């Protein structure tokens, strides 16, 4: 169930190129504070997933509501 939730959230991720030495930027807009930027798109996706996992743990610990993803 948790893996399915993470996969659904990752499908909502937005990626863009920015003017930076780590030009790949990704975020999940419905998850405030979940973002990453890295040198490659693959690295960016991997880090974004890790940040999302940590974000979920914190929200569950705080009994905070999580956004719904389809």
C-alpha atoms as a PDB file:
ATOM      1  CA  UNK A   1       0.000   0.000   0.000  1.00  0.00           C
ATOM      2  CA  UNK A   2       2.784   2.453   0.878  1.00  0.00           C
ATOM      3  CA  UNK A   3       4.700   1.629  -2.305  1.00  0.00           C
ATOM      4  CA  UNK A   4       1.571   2.250  -4.367  1.00  0.00           C
ATOM      5  CA  UNK A   5       1.065   5.625  -2.654  1.00  0.00           C
ATOM      6  CA  UNK A   6       4.683   6.634  -3.333  1.00  0.00           C
ATOM      7  CA  UNK A   7       4.415   5.522  -6.966  1.00  0.00           C
ATOM      8  CA  UNK A   8       1.228   7.567  -7.409  1.00  0.00           C
ATOM      9  CA  UNK A   9       2.847  10.644  -5.860  1.00  0.00           C
ATOM     10  CA  UNK A  10       5.928  10.241  -8.068  1.00  0.00           C
ATOM     11  CA  UNK A  11       3.685  10.204 -11.147  1.00  0.00           C
ATOM     12  CA  UNK A  12       2.596  13.725 -10.121  1.00  0.00           C
ATOM     13  CA  UNK A  13       6.181  14.995  -9.913  1.00  0.00           C
ATOM     14  CA  UNK A  14       7.215  17.934 -12.073  1.00  0.00           C
ATOM     15  CA  UNK A  15      10.725  18.262 -13.456  1.00  0.00           C
ATOM     16  CA  UNK A  16      12.486  21.204 -15.041  1.00  0.00           C
ATOM     17  CA  UNK A  17      15.923  22.394 -16.032  1.00  0.00           C
ATOM     18  CA  UNK A  18      17.224  25.329 -14.037  1.00  0.00           C
ATOM     19  CA  UNK A  19      20.311  27.516 -14.341  1.00  0.00           C
ATOM     20  CA  UNK A  20      22.420  25.782 -11.693  1.00  0.00           C
ATOM     21  CA  UNK A  21      25.401  23.445 -11.498  1.00  0.00           C
ATOM     22  CA  UNK A  22      22.805  20.773 -10.635  1.00  0.00           C
ATOM     23  CA  UNK A  23      20.314  21.662 -13.358  1.00  0.00           C
ATOM     24  CA  UNK A  24      17.633  19.007 -12.843  1.00  0.00           C
ATOM     25  CA  UNK A  25      14.951  20.166 -10.412  1.00  0.00           C
ATOM     26  CA  UNK A  26      11.989  18.053  -9.378  1.00  0.00           C
ATOM     27  CA  UNK A  27       9.112  18.603  -6.997  1.00  0.00           C
ATOM     28  CA  UNK A  28       5.755  17.167  -6.010  1.00  0.00           C
ATOM     29  CA  UNK A  29       3.467  20.201  -5.774  1.00  0.00           C
ATOM     30  CA  UNK A  30       0.897  18.602  -3.447  1.00  0.00           C
ATOM     31  CA  UNK A  31       3.653  17.701  -0.956  1.00  0.00           C
ATOM     32  CA  UNK A  32       4.969  21.004   0.370  1.00  0.00           C
ATOM     33  CA  UNK A  33       8.736  20.870   0.784  1.00  0.00           C
ATOM     34  CA  UNK A  34       9.286  17.765  -1.340  1.00  0.00           C
ATOM     35  CA  UNK A  35      11.872  18.764  -3.935  1.00  0.00           C
ATOM     36  CA  UNK A  36      15.328  17.823  -5.184  1.00  0.00           C
ATOM     37  CA  UNK A  37      17.910  19.045  -7.646  1.00  0.00           C
ATOM     38  CA  UNK A  38      20.782  17.000  -9.030  1.00  0.00           C
ATOM     39  CA  UNK A  39      23.163  16.709 -11.963  1.00  0.00           C
ATOM     40  CA  UNK A  40      21.098  14.099 -13.830  1.00  0.00           C
ATOM     41  CA  UNK A  41      17.396  13.421 -14.136  1.00  0.00           C
ATOM     42  CA  UNK A  42      17.855   9.908 -12.745  1.00  0.00           C
ATOM     43  CA  UNK A  43      19.641  11.221  -9.638  1.00  0.00           C
ATOM     44  CA  UNK A  44      16.941  13.852  -9.216  1.00  0.00           C
ATOM     45  CA  UNK A  45      14.184  11.239  -9.352  1.00  0.00           C
ATOM     46  CA  UNK A  46      15.971   8.983  -6.864  1.00  0.00           C
ATOM     47  CA  UNK A  47      16.538  11.785  -4.358  1.00  0.00           C
ATOM     48  CA  UNK A  48      13.003  13.093  -4.842  1.00  0.00           C
ATOM     49  CA  UNK A  49      11.661   9.644  -3.957  1.00  0.00           C
ATOM     50  CA  UNK A  50      13.833   9.537  -0.803  1.00  0.00           C
ATOM     51  CA  UNK A  51      12.659  13.002   0.241  1.00  0.00           C
ATOM     52  CA  UNK A  52       9.049  11.948  -0.337  1.00  0.00           C
ATOM     53  CA  UNK A  53       9.512   8.842   1.819  1.00  0.00           C
ATOM     54  CA  UNK A  54      10.928  10.937   4.680  1.00  0.00           C
ATOM     55  CA  UNK A  55       8.140  13.498   4.249  1.00  0.00           C
ATOM     56  CA  UNK A  56       5.514  10.740   4.548  1.00  0.00           C
ATOM     57  CA  UNK A  57       7.119   9.361   7.724  1.00  0.00           C
ATOM     58  CA  UNK A  58       7.100  12.806   9.346  1.00  0.00           C
ATOM     59  CA  UNK A  59       3.474  13.400   8.372  1.00  0.00           C
ATOM     60  CA  UNK A  60       2.400  10.005   9.707  1.00  0.00           C
ATOM     61  CA  UNK A  61       4.290  10.610  12.960  1.00  0.00           C
ATOM     62  CA  UNK A  62       2.573  13.991  13.326  1.00  0.00           C
ATOM     63  CA  UNK A  63      -0.825  12.474  12.417  1.00  0.00           C
ATOM     64  CA  UNK A  64      -1.004  15.014   9.587  1.00  0.00           C
ATOM     65  CA  UNK A  65      -3.249  14.484   6.621  1.00  0.00           C
ATOM     66  CA  UNK A  66      -1.622  13.227   3.433  1.00  0.00           C
ATOM     67  CA  UNK A  67      -2.745  14.345  -0.027  1.00  0.00           C
ATOM     68  CA  UNK A  68      -4.689  11.888  -2.157  1.00  0.00           C
ATOM     69  CA  UNK A  69      -3.114  10.695  -5.401  1.00  0.00           C
ATOM     70  CA  UNK A  70      -4.870   8.669  -8.086  1.00  0.00           C
END
